[in-house]
Amino acid sequence: MICVPSYNHIAKEAFEKIFPEQTNQYDFVIKYSAKFSGYNANIRLRTHTIIVGMSKKWRGISKEIQIGLIQELLLRLFKKRVHTLNMDLYHLFLKKIHVAIPKLVSDQILEMLFDKLNKEYLGDVLERPNLKWGSYSTRRLGSYEFGSDQITLSRLLHPDEGLAQELLEYVLYHEMLHKKFKFDSYAGHTRSHTSEFRKWESRFPNAVQLEKQLSSAVAAKRPRSLLRWF
């Protein structure tokens, strides 16, 4: 873990721009760490200290973009909605950074299915991201991380678990759409499941039926579990 005091002013400046009346209420610490994949980050409040954890890759990125990232995290922390130019810069950066992220994580099964779905439904134009199996989760079946350009699928969907392959393909396709359409964001509120996203999602054969089958499969593995998409 690398704590660089000279960088802490970036967090303070980010806070002052959206909460000028509360400037003296908190201390600020930025920790650049190798534990984050890609350009991921997090934030936490410990008494009167706001601690921002960021991938060490952020140290080489423009201060103005870093401020936008920290403002995004602050608005989530304090559940507020504000819009800033710095956040616009950060969102633009996040939507483009996948080009520069190394593709070092993959799986033969997921590669094959990604290429198949990409060709059948997306015109074979979507760049293959990092692909991996996650934990055996019944709450989060899939996710796409912009900061690491990575799709992660629950091991529950692995072919060895006996579920129909089309369920795996449907979840993978859903996450591929997140990569394709990115997100809309304003005033600290991010929306991924836009009308355009839903239109493309519905193009998958038997989408409505597959949603029901996924819910049933999850319920069988873990009664009363909640199905979440990311």
C-alpha atoms as a PDB file:
ATOM      1  CA  MET A   1       0.000   0.000   0.000  1.00  0.00           C
ATOM      2  CA  ILE A   2       1.396   3.388  -0.976  1.00  0.00           C
ATOM      3  CA  CYS A   3       0.231   6.417   0.976  1.00  0.00           C
ATOM      4  CA  VAL A   4       1.419   9.663  -0.567  1.00  0.00           C
ATOM      5  CA  PRO A   5       0.601  12.684   1.641  1.00  0.00           C
ATOM      6  CA  SER A   6       1.414  15.173  -1.125  1.00  0.00           C
ATOM      7  CA  TYR A   7      -1.496  13.786  -3.142  1.00  0.00           C
ATOM      8  CA  ASN A   8      -4.069  14.208  -0.364  1.00  0.00           C
ATOM      9  CA  HIS A   9      -4.865  17.743  -1.510  1.00  0.00           C
ATOM     10  CA  ILE A  10      -6.524  16.238  -4.595  1.00  0.00           C
ATOM     11  CA  ALA A  11      -9.191  14.612  -2.414  1.00  0.00           C
ATOM     12  CA  LYS A  12      -9.619  17.826  -0.438  1.00  0.00           C
ATOM     13  CA  GLU A  13     -10.040  19.853  -3.612  1.00  0.00           C
ATOM     14  CA  ALA A  14     -12.557  17.356  -4.997  1.00  0.00           C
ATOM     15  CA  PHE A  15     -14.589  17.648  -1.782  1.00  0.00           C
ATOM     16  CA  GLU A  16     -14.453  21.450  -1.656  1.00  0.00           C
ATOM     17  CA  LYS A  17     -15.849  21.765  -5.168  1.00  0.00           C
ATOM     18  CA  ILE A  18     -19.065  19.930  -4.272  1.00  0.00           C
ATOM     19  CA  PHE A  19     -19.381  20.570  -0.518  1.00  0.00           C
ATOM     20  CA  PRO A  20     -17.786  24.035   0.015  1.00  0.00           C
ATOM     21  CA  GLU A  21     -19.721  24.650   3.232  1.00  0.00           C
ATOM     22  CA  GLN A  22     -18.263  21.507   4.893  1.00  0.00           C
ATOM     23  CA  THR A  23     -14.590  22.027   4.041  1.00  0.00           C
ATOM     24  CA  ASN A  24     -13.263  21.912   7.598  1.00  0.00           C
ATOM     25  CA  GLN A  25     -15.237  18.896   8.788  1.00  0.00           C
ATOM     26  CA  TYR A  26     -12.954  16.190   7.402  1.00  0.00           C
ATOM     27  CA  ASP A  27      -9.365  15.174   6.861  1.00  0.00           C
ATOM     28  CA  PHE A  28      -8.455  13.473   3.599  1.00  0.00           C
ATOM     29  CA  VAL A  29      -6.141  10.597   2.711  1.00  0.00           C
ATOM     30  CA  ILE A  30      -5.419   9.090  -0.694  1.00  0.00           C
ATOM     31  CA  LYS A  31      -3.887   5.608  -0.838  1.00  0.00           C
ATOM     32  CA  TYR A  32      -2.607   4.356  -4.175  1.00  0.00           C
ATOM     33  CA  SER A  33      -2.488   0.573  -4.082  1.00  0.00           C
ATOM     34  CA  ALA A  34      -1.584  -2.379  -6.267  1.00  0.00           C
ATOM     35  CA  LYS A  35      -4.488  -4.394  -4.843  1.00  0.00           C
ATOM     36  CA  PHE A  36      -6.932  -2.777  -7.284  1.00  0.00           C
ATOM     37  CA  SER A  37      -7.213  -4.212 -10.768  1.00  0.00           C
ATOM     38  CA  GLY A  38      -7.187  -1.815 -13.693  1.00  0.00           C
ATOM     39  CA  TYR A  39      -8.368   1.667 -12.715  1.00  0.00           C
ATOM     40  CA  ASN A  40     -10.686   0.709  -9.871  1.00  0.00           C
ATOM     41  CA  ALA A  41     -11.057   2.627  -6.623  1.00  0.00           C
ATOM     42  CA  ASN A  42     -13.109   2.864  -3.416  1.00  0.00           C
ATOM     43  CA  ILE A  43     -13.890   5.259  -0.591  1.00  0.00           C
ATOM     44  CA  ARG A  44     -14.665   4.986   3.110  1.00  0.00           C
ATOM     45  CA  LEU A  45     -15.354   7.319   6.012  1.00  0.00           C
ATOM     46  CA  ARG A  46     -13.528   6.636   9.261  1.00  0.00           C
ATOM     47  CA  THR A  47     -14.708   9.047  11.996  1.00  0.00           C
ATOM     48  CA  HIS A  48     -13.671  12.417  10.520  1.00  0.00           C
ATOM     49  CA  THR A  49     -11.283  11.110   7.876  1.00  0.00           C
ATOM     50  CA  ILE A  50     -12.268  10.356   4.279  1.00  0.00           C
ATOM     51  CA  ILE A  51      -9.979   7.680   2.853  1.00  0.00           C
ATOM     52  CA  VAL A  52      -9.831   7.198  -0.914  1.00  0.00           C
ATOM     53  CA  GLY A  53      -8.256   3.974  -2.172  1.00  0.00           C
ATOM     54  CA  MET A  54      -7.164   4.050  -5.797  1.00  0.00           C
ATOM     55  CA  SER A  55      -5.253   1.804  -8.158  1.00  0.00           C
ATOM     56  CA  LYS A  56      -1.632   2.906  -8.378  1.00  0.00           C
ATOM     57  CA  LYS A  57      -2.253   3.433 -12.098  1.00  0.00           C
ATOM     58  CA  TRP A  58      -4.147   6.606 -11.192  1.00  0.00           C
ATOM     59  CA  ARG A  59      -0.909   8.315 -10.140  1.00  0.00           C
ATOM     60  CA  GLY A  60      -0.093   8.983 -13.773  1.00  0.00           C
ATOM     61  CA  ILE A  61      -3.528  10.343 -14.685  1.00  0.00           C
ATOM     62  CA  SER A  62      -4.457  14.022 -14.849  1.00  0.00           C
ATOM     63  CA  LYS A  63      -5.435  15.615 -11.546  1.00  0.00           C
ATOM     64  CA  GLU A  64      -8.659  16.930 -13.086  1.00  0.00           C
ATOM     65  CA  ILE A  65      -9.763  13.392 -13.985  1.00  0.00           C
ATOM     66  CA  GLN A  66      -8.776  12.086 -10.542  1.00  0.00           C
ATOM     67  CA  ILE A  67     -10.918  14.808  -8.980  1.00  0.00           C
ATOM     68  CA  GLY A  68     -13.863  13.611 -11.068  1.00  0.00           C
ATOM     69  CA  LEU A  69     -13.388  10.039  -9.848  1.00  0.00           C
ATOM     70  CA  ILE A  70     -13.195  11.147  -6.211  1.00  0.00           C
ATOM     71  CA  GLN A  71     -16.280  13.331  -6.610  1.00  0.00           C
ATOM     72  CA  GLU A  72     -18.176  10.339  -7.995  1.00  0.00           C
ATOM     73  CA  LEU A  73     -17.137   8.296  -4.953  1.00  0.00           C
ATOM     74  CA  LEU A  74     -18.025  11.135  -2.555  1.00  0.00           C
ATOM     75  CA  LEU A  75     -21.528  11.456  -3.973  1.00  0.00           C
ATOM     76  CA  ARG A  76     -22.080   7.734  -3.488  1.00  0.00           C
ATOM     77  CA  LEU A  77     -20.725   7.957   0.054  1.00  0.00           C
ATOM     78  CA  PHE A  78     -22.958  10.864   1.063  1.00  0.00           C
ATOM     79  CA  LYS A  79     -25.880   9.908  -1.215  1.00  0.00           C
ATOM     80  CA  LYS A  80     -25.989  13.293  -2.937  1.00  0.00           C
ATOM     81  CA  ARG A  81     -26.497  14.390  -6.538  1.00  0.00           C
ATOM     82  CA  VAL A  82     -24.231  17.031  -8.034  1.00  0.00           C
ATOM     83  CA  HIS A  83     -22.919  17.526 -11.551  1.00  0.00           C
ATOM     84  CA  THR A  84     -19.387  18.793 -12.276  1.00  0.00           C
ATOM     85  CA  LEU A  85     -17.099  19.173 -15.269  1.00  0.00           C
ATOM     86  CA  ASN A  86     -14.543  16.988 -13.513  1.00  0.00           C
ATOM     87  CA  MET A  87     -17.060  14.151 -13.358  1.00  0.00           C
ATOM     88  CA  ASP A  88     -17.725  14.555 -17.078  1.00  0.00           C
ATOM     89  CA  LEU A  89     -13.982  14.231 -17.712  1.00  0.00           C
ATOM     90  CA  TYR A  90     -13.814  11.127 -15.512  1.00  0.00           C
ATOM     91  CA  HIS A  91     -16.760   9.467 -17.270  1.00  0.00           C
ATOM     92  CA  LEU A  92     -15.216  10.167 -20.670  1.00  0.00           C
ATOM     93  CA  PHE A  93     -11.934   8.679 -19.462  1.00  0.00           C
ATOM     94  CA  LEU A  94     -13.682   5.601 -18.049  1.00  0.00           C
ATOM     95  CA  LYS A  95     -15.537   4.941 -21.283  1.00  0.00           C
ATOM     96  CA  LYS A  96     -12.305   5.041 -23.290  1.00  0.00           C
ATOM     97  CA  ILE A  97      -9.780   3.427 -20.939  1.00  0.00           C
ATOM     98  CA  HIS A  98     -10.668  -0.146 -21.975  1.00  0.00           C
ATOM     99  CA  VAL A  99      -8.519   0.372 -25.089  1.00  0.00           C
ATOM    100  CA  ALA A 100      -5.372   0.696 -22.965  1.00  0.00           C
ATOM    101  CA  ILE A 101      -6.092  -2.066 -20.432  1.00  0.00           C
ATOM    102  CA  PRO A 102      -4.080  -5.275 -21.037  1.00  0.00           C
ATOM    103  CA  LYS A 103      -6.174  -8.373 -21.741  1.00  0.00           C
ATOM    104  CA  LEU A 104      -4.357 -10.886 -19.544  1.00  0.00           C
ATOM    105  CA  VAL A 105      -7.241 -12.743 -17.859  1.00  0.00           C
ATOM    106  CA  SER A 106      -9.276 -15.225 -19.840  1.00  0.00           C
ATOM    107  CA  ASP A 107     -10.942 -18.629 -19.940  1.00  0.00           C
ATOM    108  CA  GLN A 108     -11.273 -20.911 -22.939  1.00  0.00           C
ATOM    109  CA  ILE A 109     -14.989 -21.562 -22.437  1.00  0.00           C
ATOM    110  CA  LEU A 110     -15.832 -17.882 -21.988  1.00  0.00           C
ATOM    111  CA  GLU A 111     -13.647 -16.881 -24.930  1.00  0.00           C
ATOM    112  CA  MET A 112     -15.472 -19.295 -27.212  1.00  0.00           C
ATOM    113  CA  LEU A 113     -18.910 -18.105 -26.091  1.00  0.00           C
ATOM    114  CA  PHE A 114     -17.932 -14.442 -26.224  1.00  0.00           C
ATOM    115  CA  ASP A 115     -16.755 -14.801 -29.818  1.00  0.00           C
ATOM    116  CA  LYS A 116     -19.913 -16.717 -30.726  1.00  0.00           C
ATOM    117  CA  LEU A 117     -22.269 -14.117 -29.228  1.00  0.00           C
ATOM    118  CA  ASN A 118     -20.233 -11.234 -30.581  1.00  0.00           C
ATOM    119  CA  LYS A 119     -20.578 -12.598 -34.097  1.00  0.00           C
ATOM    120  CA  GLU A 120     -24.251 -13.583 -33.848  1.00  0.00           C
ATOM    121  CA  TYR A 121     -25.677 -10.497 -32.120  1.00  0.00           C
ATOM    122  CA  LEU A 122     -23.143  -7.638 -32.138  1.00  0.00           C
ATOM    123  CA  GLY A 123     -21.700  -7.703 -35.634  1.00  0.00           C
ATOM    124  CA  ASP A 124     -18.393  -9.084 -34.367  1.00  0.00           C
ATOM    125  CA  VAL A 125     -17.227  -5.555 -33.476  1.00  0.00           C
ATOM    126  CA  LEU A 126     -16.956  -5.766 -29.678  1.00  0.00           C
ATOM    127  CA  GLU A 127     -13.386  -6.020 -28.438  1.00  0.00           C
ATOM    128  CA  ARG A 128     -12.878  -9.047 -26.199  1.00  0.00           C
ATOM    129  CA  PRO A 129     -12.376  -7.953 -22.567  1.00  0.00           C
ATOM    130  CA  ASN A 130     -10.779  -9.834 -19.710  1.00  0.00           C
ATOM    131  CA  LEU A 131     -12.977 -12.852 -18.935  1.00  0.00           C
ATOM    132  CA  LYS A 132     -13.064 -14.844 -15.722  1.00  0.00           C
ATOM    133  CA  TRP A 133     -15.152 -17.017 -13.427  1.00  0.00           C
ATOM    134  CA  GLY A 134     -15.936 -15.503 -10.047  1.00  0.00           C
ATOM    135  CA  SER A 135     -17.152 -17.098  -6.847  1.00  0.00           C
ATOM    136  CA  TYR A 136     -20.111 -19.471  -6.621  1.00  0.00           C
ATOM    137  CA  SER A 137     -22.552 -16.597  -6.191  1.00  0.00           C
ATOM    138  CA  THR A 138     -26.330 -16.795  -6.336  1.00  0.00           C
ATOM    139  CA  ARG A 139     -26.744 -13.047  -5.803  1.00  0.00           C
ATOM    140  CA  ARG A 140     -24.500 -11.677  -8.521  1.00  0.00           C
ATOM    141  CA  LEU A 141     -24.532 -13.807 -11.641  1.00  0.00           C
ATOM    142  CA  GLY A 142     -22.416 -11.476 -13.711  1.00  0.00           C
ATOM    143  CA  SER A 143     -20.646  -8.129 -13.710  1.00  0.00           C
ATOM    144  CA  TYR A 144     -18.667  -5.890 -16.024  1.00  0.00           C
ATOM    145  CA  GLU A 145     -16.009  -3.596 -14.548  1.00  0.00           C
ATOM    146  CA  PHE A 146     -15.076  -0.592 -16.673  1.00  0.00           C
ATOM    147  CA  GLY A 147     -11.947   0.094 -14.629  1.00  0.00           C
ATOM    148  CA  SER A 148     -10.443  -3.296 -15.480  1.00  0.00           C
ATOM    149  CA  ASP A 149     -12.383  -4.065 -18.692  1.00  0.00           C
ATOM    150  CA  GLN A 150     -13.424  -7.386 -17.198  1.00  0.00           C
ATOM    151  CA  ILE A 151     -16.509  -9.574 -17.332  1.00  0.00           C
ATOM    152  CA  THR A 152     -16.880 -11.876 -14.333  1.00  0.00           C
ATOM    153  CA  LEU A 153     -19.481 -14.633 -14.207  1.00  0.00           C
ATOM    154  CA  SER A 154     -20.676 -16.624 -11.220  1.00  0.00           C
ATOM    155  CA  ARG A 155     -19.276 -20.139 -11.103  1.00  0.00           C
ATOM    156  CA  LEU A 156     -22.889 -21.228 -10.662  1.00  0.00           C
ATOM    157  CA  LEU A 157     -23.182 -20.832 -14.451  1.00  0.00           C
ATOM    158  CA  HIS A 158     -20.144 -22.971 -15.254  1.00  0.00           C
ATOM    159  CA  PRO A 159     -21.009 -25.913 -17.560  1.00  0.00           C
ATOM    160  CA  ASP A 160     -19.871 -28.334 -14.846  1.00  0.00           C
ATOM    161  CA  GLU A 161     -22.800 -27.174 -12.686  1.00  0.00           C
ATOM    162  CA  GLY A 162     -25.326 -28.683 -15.085  1.00  0.00           C
ATOM    163  CA  LEU A 163     -27.353 -25.606 -16.035  1.00  0.00           C
ATOM    164  CA  ALA A 164     -28.412 -25.096 -19.637  1.00  0.00           C
ATOM    165  CA  GLN A 165     -25.736 -23.393 -21.734  1.00  0.00           C
ATOM    166  CA  GLU A 166     -28.233 -20.835 -22.996  1.00  0.00           C
ATOM    167  CA  LEU A 167     -28.513 -19.463 -19.441  1.00  0.00           C
ATOM    168  CA  LEU A 168     -24.765 -18.893 -19.375  1.00  0.00           C
ATOM    169  CA  GLU A 169     -24.901 -17.327 -22.824  1.00  0.00           C
ATOM    170  CA  TYR A 170     -27.735 -15.007 -21.818  1.00  0.00           C
ATOM    171  CA  VAL A 171     -25.906 -13.690 -18.750  1.00  0.00           C
ATOM    172  CA  LEU A 172     -22.684 -13.275 -20.729  1.00  0.00           C
ATOM    173  CA  TYR A 173     -24.590 -11.420 -23.458  1.00  0.00           C
ATOM    174  CA  HIS A 174     -26.090  -9.118 -20.819  1.00  0.00           C
ATOM    175  CA  GLU A 175     -22.617  -8.202 -19.553  1.00  0.00           C
ATOM    176  CA  MET A 176     -21.356  -7.739 -23.117  1.00  0.00           C
ATOM    177  CA  LEU A 177     -24.104  -5.148 -23.586  1.00  0.00           C
ATOM    178  CA  HIS A 178     -22.776  -3.267 -20.566  1.00  0.00           C
ATOM    179  CA  LYS A 179     -19.415  -3.064 -22.297  1.00  0.00           C
ATOM    180  CA  LYS A 180     -21.044  -1.986 -25.550  1.00  0.00           C
ATOM    181  CA  PHE A 181     -23.365   0.705 -24.202  1.00  0.00           C
ATOM    182  CA  LYS A 182     -21.322   1.865 -21.200  1.00  0.00           C
ATOM    183  CA  PHE A 183     -23.581   4.066 -19.026  1.00  0.00           C
ATOM    184  CA  ASP A 184     -25.389   7.373 -18.735  1.00  0.00           C
ATOM    185  CA  SER A 185     -24.452   9.543 -15.785  1.00  0.00           C
ATOM    186  CA  TYR A 186     -25.602  12.862 -14.406  1.00  0.00           C
ATOM    187  CA  ALA A 187     -25.344  14.498 -10.995  1.00  0.00           C
ATOM    188  CA  GLY A 188     -23.809  11.429  -9.418  1.00  0.00           C
ATOM    189  CA  HIS A 189     -26.516   9.087 -10.681  1.00  0.00           C
ATOM    190  CA  THR A 190     -25.405   6.378 -13.096  1.00  0.00           C
ATOM    191  CA  ARG A 191     -27.848   4.463 -15.273  1.00  0.00           C
ATOM    192  CA  SER A 192     -26.765   1.351 -17.177  1.00  0.00           C
ATOM    193  CA  HIS A 193     -30.055  -0.307 -18.114  1.00  0.00           C
ATOM    194  CA  THR A 194     -31.227   2.302 -20.591  1.00  0.00           C
ATOM    195  CA  SER A 195     -34.075   1.817 -23.068  1.00  0.00           C
ATOM    196  CA  GLU A 196     -31.479   1.123 -25.790  1.00  0.00           C
ATOM    197  CA  PHE A 197     -29.840  -1.483 -23.560  1.00  0.00           C
ATOM    198  CA  ARG A 198     -33.179  -3.198 -22.908  1.00  0.00           C
ATOM    199  CA  LYS A 199     -34.029  -3.177 -26.608  1.00  0.00           C
ATOM    200  CA  TRP A 200     -30.828  -5.023 -27.459  1.00  0.00           C
ATOM    201  CA  GLU A 201     -31.229  -7.361 -24.507  1.00  0.00           C
ATOM    202  CA  SER A 202     -34.674  -8.401 -25.749  1.00  0.00           C
ATOM    203  CA  ARG A 203     -33.147  -9.502 -29.052  1.00  0.00           C
ATOM    204  CA  PHE A 204     -31.709 -12.564 -27.373  1.00  0.00           C
ATOM    205  CA  PRO A 205     -33.976 -15.533 -28.200  1.00  0.00           C
ATOM    206  CA  ASN A 206     -36.475 -16.386 -25.440  1.00  0.00           C
ATOM    207  CA  ALA A 207     -35.113 -13.611 -23.200  1.00  0.00           C
ATOM    208  CA  VAL A 208     -38.229 -13.425 -21.023  1.00  0.00           C
ATOM    209  CA  GLN A 209     -38.327 -17.186 -20.546  1.00  0.00           C
ATOM    210  CA  LEU A 210     -34.608 -17.296 -19.747  1.00  0.00           C
ATOM    211  CA  GLU A 211     -35.057 -14.635 -17.058  1.00  0.00           C
ATOM    212  CA  LYS A 212     -37.614 -16.900 -15.394  1.00  0.00           C
ATOM    213  CA  GLN A 213     -35.373 -19.941 -15.731  1.00  0.00           C
ATOM    214  CA  LEU A 214     -32.484 -18.063 -14.141  1.00  0.00           C
ATOM    215  CA  SER A 215     -34.661 -17.040 -11.209  1.00  0.00           C
ATOM    216  CA  SER A 216     -35.781 -20.647 -10.761  1.00  0.00           C
ATOM    217  CA  ALA A 217     -32.218 -21.960 -10.989  1.00  0.00           C
ATOM    218  CA  VAL A 218     -31.000 -19.459  -8.407  1.00  0.00           C
ATOM    219  CA  ALA A 219     -33.919 -20.208  -6.096  1.00  0.00           C
ATOM    220  CA  ALA A 220     -33.134 -23.919  -6.303  1.00  0.00           C
ATOM    221  CA  LYS A 221     -29.555 -23.275  -5.265  1.00  0.00           C
ATOM    222  CA  ARG A 222     -30.368 -20.726  -2.602  1.00  0.00           C
ATOM    223  CA  PRO A 223     -34.021 -20.225  -1.601  1.00  0.00           C
ATOM    224  CA  ARG A 224     -35.164 -16.604  -1.462  1.00  0.00           C
ATOM    225  CA  SER A 225     -31.967 -15.325  -3.037  1.00  0.00           C
ATOM    226  CA  LEU A 226     -32.158 -12.069  -4.915  1.00  0.00           C
ATOM    227  CA  LEU A 227     -31.082 -11.992  -8.538  1.00  0.00           C
ATOM    228  CA  ARG A 228     -28.995  -8.917  -9.338  1.00  0.00           C
ATOM    229  CA  TRP A 229     -27.636  -7.702 -12.650  1.00  0.00           C
ATOM    230  CA  PHE A 230     -24.630  -5.425 -13.015  1.00  0.00           C
END
